[in-house]
Amino acid sequence: MTRPPAVSAAPLTEANHNAVAYVRARAGREQAASLARIARELSAARVRADADELCAAVRRVGVVTVNFHPDRLLADGRCVAEAL
């Protein structure tokens, strides 16, 4: 699978690095189960695809939920809500 390009932004704080490390570790642990669930859902929708095609399909039609603390300060002093 290919990864999306990194987005350049303000330097990450220690909390940001910790959050990224946590998400990467959890994603690694759950990858097989997640891909299996994606495959089941697409199969139910009568979509046949390999892993790369599955991910491309999810990118096209998937829903992403972003959880954040709008009042948390970034390294440059702005709050998250301002940066959005």
N, C-alpha and C. Protein backbone atom coordinates (compact mmCIF):
# COMPACT_ATOMS: atom_id res chain seq x y z
N MET A 1 0.83 -1.18 0.00
CA MET A 1 0.00 0.00 0.00
C MET A 1 0.88 1.24 0.00
N THR A 2 0.40 2.27 -0.62
CA THR A 2 1.15 3.52 -0.63
C THR A 2 0.60 4.44 0.44
N ARG A 3 1.48 5.26 0.99
CA ARG A 3 1.07 6.22 2.01
C ARG A 3 0.84 7.57 1.35
N PRO A 4 -0.11 8.33 1.88
CA PRO A 4 -0.31 9.68 1.34
C PRO A 4 0.91 10.54 1.68
N PRO A 5 1.17 11.56 0.90
CA PRO A 5 2.32 12.41 1.19
C PRO A 5 2.16 13.13 2.52
N ALA A 6 3.28 13.34 3.19
CA ALA A 6 3.25 14.06 4.47
C ALA A 6 2.89 15.52 4.22
N VAL A 7 2.19 16.10 5.16
CA VAL A 7 1.81 17.50 5.08
C VAL A 7 2.75 18.29 5.98
N SER A 8 3.36 19.31 5.45
CA SER A 8 4.27 20.14 6.23
C SER A 8 3.46 21.17 7.01
N ALA A 9 3.75 21.28 8.29
CA ALA A 9 3.04 22.24 9.14
C ALA A 9 3.99 22.69 10.24
N ALA A 10 3.44 23.29 11.26
CA ALA A 10 4.26 23.73 12.39
C ALA A 10 4.94 22.51 13.01
N PRO A 11 6.10 22.73 13.64
CA PRO A 11 6.80 21.61 14.27
C PRO A 11 5.90 20.90 15.29
N LEU A 12 6.07 19.59 15.38
CA LEU A 12 5.26 18.82 16.31
C LEU A 12 5.78 18.96 17.73
N THR A 13 4.85 19.00 18.65
CA THR A 13 5.20 19.04 20.06
C THR A 13 5.43 17.60 20.53
N GLU A 14 5.92 17.45 21.76
CA GLU A 14 6.10 16.11 22.31
C GLU A 14 4.77 15.37 22.36
N ALA A 15 3.70 16.09 22.73
CA ALA A 15 2.37 15.48 22.77
C ALA A 15 1.95 15.02 21.38
N ASN A 16 2.26 15.81 20.34
CA ASN A 16 1.95 15.42 18.97
C ASN A 16 2.68 14.14 18.59
N HIS A 17 3.99 14.10 18.91
CA HIS A 17 4.79 12.91 18.61
C HIS A 17 4.23 11.68 19.33
N ASN A 18 3.84 11.86 20.59
CA ASN A 18 3.27 10.75 21.35
C ASN A 18 1.96 10.27 20.72
N ALA A 19 1.13 11.21 20.28
CA ALA A 19 -0.14 10.86 19.66
C ALA A 19 0.09 10.10 18.36
N VAL A 20 1.02 10.58 17.54
CA VAL A 20 1.32 9.90 16.28
C VAL A 20 1.85 8.49 16.55
N ALA A 21 2.74 8.36 17.52
CA ALA A 21 3.29 7.04 17.86
C ALA A 21 2.18 6.09 18.32
N TYR A 22 1.26 6.60 19.13
CA TYR A 22 0.15 5.79 19.61
C TYR A 22 -0.73 5.31 18.45
N VAL A 23 -1.07 6.24 17.56
CA VAL A 23 -1.95 5.89 16.44
C VAL A 23 -1.25 4.89 15.52
N ARG A 24 0.04 5.10 15.24
CA ARG A 24 0.77 4.15 14.39
C ARG A 24 0.81 2.76 15.01
N ALA A 25 1.08 2.69 16.32
CA ALA A 25 1.14 1.40 16.99
C ALA A 25 -0.22 0.71 16.96
N ARG A 26 -1.27 1.47 17.25
CA ARG A 26 -2.62 0.89 17.24
C ARG A 26 -3.00 0.44 15.84
N ALA A 27 -2.70 1.27 14.84
CA ALA A 27 -3.02 0.91 13.46
C ALA A 27 -2.29 -0.37 13.06
N GLY A 28 -1.03 -0.49 13.50
CA GLY A 28 -0.27 -1.70 13.20
C GLY A 28 -0.91 -2.93 13.81
N ARG A 29 -1.36 -2.81 15.06
CA ARG A 29 -1.99 -3.93 15.75
C ARG A 29 -3.32 -4.31 15.10
N GLU A 30 -4.03 -3.32 14.60
CA GLU A 30 -5.39 -3.55 14.09
C GLU A 30 -5.48 -3.66 12.57
N GLN A 31 -4.34 -3.57 11.89
CA GLN A 31 -4.36 -3.53 10.42
C GLN A 31 -5.05 -4.74 9.80
N ALA A 32 -4.68 -5.94 10.22
CA ALA A 32 -5.26 -7.14 9.61
C ALA A 32 -6.77 -7.18 9.81
N ALA A 33 -7.22 -6.91 11.03
CA ALA A 33 -8.66 -6.93 11.30
C ALA A 33 -9.38 -5.83 10.52
N SER A 34 -8.74 -4.67 10.41
CA SER A 34 -9.36 -3.56 9.69
C SER A 34 -9.48 -3.87 8.20
N LEU A 35 -8.42 -4.43 7.62
CA LEU A 35 -8.49 -4.79 6.20
C LEU A 35 -9.54 -5.87 5.96
N ALA A 36 -9.66 -6.81 6.90
CA ALA A 36 -10.69 -7.85 6.77
C ALA A 36 -12.08 -7.24 6.82
N ARG A 37 -12.28 -6.28 7.72
CA ARG A 37 -13.59 -5.63 7.81
C ARG A 37 -13.90 -4.85 6.54
N ILE A 38 -12.90 -4.14 6.02
CA ILE A 38 -13.09 -3.41 4.77
C ILE A 38 -13.47 -4.39 3.66
N ALA A 39 -12.77 -5.50 3.60
CA ALA A 39 -13.06 -6.51 2.57
C ALA A 39 -14.48 -7.03 2.71
N ARG A 40 -14.93 -7.30 3.94
CA ARG A 40 -16.32 -7.78 4.15
C ARG A 40 -17.33 -6.74 3.70
N GLU A 41 -17.09 -5.48 4.06
CA GLU A 41 -18.04 -4.42 3.70
C GLU A 41 -18.12 -4.24 2.18
N LEU A 42 -16.95 -4.25 1.54
CA LEU A 42 -16.95 -4.09 0.08
C LEU A 42 -17.55 -5.32 -0.60
N SER A 43 -17.30 -6.49 -0.03
CA SER A 43 -17.89 -7.71 -0.58
C SER A 43 -19.41 -7.65 -0.48
N ALA A 44 -19.90 -7.16 0.65
CA ALA A 44 -21.35 -7.02 0.83
C ALA A 44 -21.92 -6.05 -0.19
N ALA A 45 -21.08 -5.08 -0.59
CA ALA A 45 -21.51 -4.11 -1.61
C ALA A 45 -21.18 -4.62 -3.01
N ARG A 46 -20.73 -5.88 -3.09
CA ARG A 46 -20.38 -6.55 -4.36
C ARG A 46 -19.22 -5.89 -5.07
N VAL A 47 -18.25 -5.41 -4.28
CA VAL A 47 -17.02 -4.84 -4.83
C VAL A 47 -15.92 -5.86 -4.61
N ARG A 48 -15.25 -6.27 -5.68
CA ARG A 48 -14.14 -7.22 -5.56
C ARG A 48 -12.85 -6.43 -5.78
N ALA A 49 -11.91 -6.57 -4.84
CA ALA A 49 -10.68 -5.79 -4.96
C ALA A 49 -9.57 -6.41 -4.12
N ASP A 50 -8.30 -6.11 -4.49
CA ASP A 50 -7.17 -6.51 -3.66
C ASP A 50 -6.92 -5.40 -2.63
N ALA A 51 -5.88 -5.56 -1.80
CA ALA A 51 -5.64 -4.61 -0.70
C ALA A 51 -5.48 -3.18 -1.20
N ASP A 52 -4.70 -2.97 -2.26
CA ASP A 52 -4.51 -1.61 -2.77
C ASP A 52 -5.82 -1.03 -3.29
N GLU A 53 -6.60 -1.87 -3.99
CA GLU A 53 -7.89 -1.40 -4.49
C GLU A 53 -8.85 -1.12 -3.34
N LEU A 54 -8.76 -1.94 -2.28
CA LEU A 54 -9.61 -1.70 -1.11
C LEU A 54 -9.33 -0.33 -0.51
N CYS A 55 -8.05 -0.05 -0.34
CA CYS A 55 -7.69 1.24 0.26
C CYS A 55 -8.10 2.40 -0.64
N ALA A 56 -7.93 2.24 -1.94
CA ALA A 56 -8.34 3.29 -2.87
C ALA A 56 -9.85 3.51 -2.79
N ALA A 57 -10.60 2.41 -2.68
CA ALA A 57 -12.06 2.53 -2.58
C ALA A 57 -12.45 3.22 -1.28
N VAL A 58 -11.77 2.88 -0.19
CA VAL A 58 -12.08 3.53 1.08
C VAL A 58 -11.77 5.01 1.00
N ARG A 59 -10.65 5.35 0.35
CA ARG A 59 -10.32 6.78 0.19
C ARG A 59 -11.39 7.51 -0.60
N ARG A 60 -11.98 6.83 -1.58
CA ARG A 60 -13.01 7.47 -2.41
C ARG A 60 -14.33 7.63 -1.68
N VAL A 61 -14.74 6.62 -0.91
CA VAL A 61 -16.08 6.64 -0.35
C VAL A 61 -16.12 6.57 1.17
N GLY A 62 -14.96 6.45 1.81
CA GLY A 62 -14.91 6.31 3.25
C GLY A 62 -15.22 7.61 3.98
N VAL A 63 -15.59 7.48 5.22
CA VAL A 63 -15.85 8.62 6.08
C VAL A 63 -14.76 8.64 7.14
N VAL A 64 -14.18 9.80 7.35
CA VAL A 64 -13.12 9.95 8.34
C VAL A 64 -13.64 10.85 9.45
N THR A 65 -13.46 10.41 10.68
CA THR A 65 -13.81 11.22 11.83
C THR A 65 -12.53 11.75 12.43
N VAL A 66 -12.47 13.05 12.62
CA VAL A 66 -11.29 13.68 13.20
C VAL A 66 -11.68 14.20 14.58
N ASN A 67 -10.98 13.72 15.58
CA ASN A 67 -11.21 14.17 16.95
C ASN A 67 -10.06 15.07 17.35
N PHE A 68 -10.37 16.22 17.92
CA PHE A 68 -9.32 17.16 18.30
C PHE A 68 -9.81 18.03 19.44
N HIS A 69 -8.87 18.71 20.05
CA HIS A 69 -9.16 19.65 21.12
C HIS A 69 -9.01 21.05 20.53
N PRO A 70 -10.11 21.73 20.20
CA PRO A 70 -10.02 23.02 19.51
C PRO A 70 -9.30 24.10 20.30
N ASP A 71 -9.24 23.94 21.62
CA ASP A 71 -8.60 24.98 22.44
C ASP A 71 -7.14 24.67 22.76
N ARG A 72 -6.63 23.50 22.32
CA ARG A 72 -5.24 23.14 22.60
C ARG A 72 -4.31 24.04 21.79
N LEU A 73 -3.23 24.48 22.42
CA LEU A 73 -2.29 25.36 21.74
C LEU A 73 -1.27 24.59 20.93
N LEU A 74 -0.96 25.12 19.76
CA LEU A 74 0.08 24.57 18.90
C LEU A 74 1.43 25.19 19.27
N ALA A 75 2.49 24.67 18.69
CA ALA A 75 3.83 25.14 18.99
C ALA A 75 3.99 26.64 18.65
N ASP A 76 3.23 27.11 17.64
CA ASP A 76 3.37 28.52 17.24
C ASP A 76 2.44 29.46 18.03
N GLY A 77 1.74 28.94 19.05
CA GLY A 77 0.90 29.76 19.91
C GLY A 77 -0.55 29.85 19.49
N ARG A 78 -0.89 29.42 18.29
CA ARG A 78 -2.29 29.41 17.85
C ARG A 78 -3.01 28.23 18.47
N CYS A 79 -4.32 28.37 18.66
CA CYS A 79 -5.10 27.21 19.09
C CYS A 79 -5.46 26.39 17.84
N VAL A 80 -5.80 25.14 18.06
CA VAL A 80 -6.12 24.24 16.95
C VAL A 80 -7.24 24.80 16.08
N ALA A 81 -8.27 25.38 16.71
CA ALA A 81 -9.38 25.94 15.94
C ALA A 81 -8.91 27.05 14.99
N GLU A 82 -7.98 27.87 15.43
CA GLU A 82 -7.45 28.92 14.56
C GLU A 82 -6.69 28.31 13.39
N ALA A 83 -5.93 27.26 13.64
CA ALA A 83 -5.12 26.63 12.59
C ALA A 83 -5.99 25.95 11.55
N LEU A 84 -7.17 25.49 11.96
CA LEU A 84 -8.07 24.86 10.98
C LEU A 84 -8.65 25.89 10.06
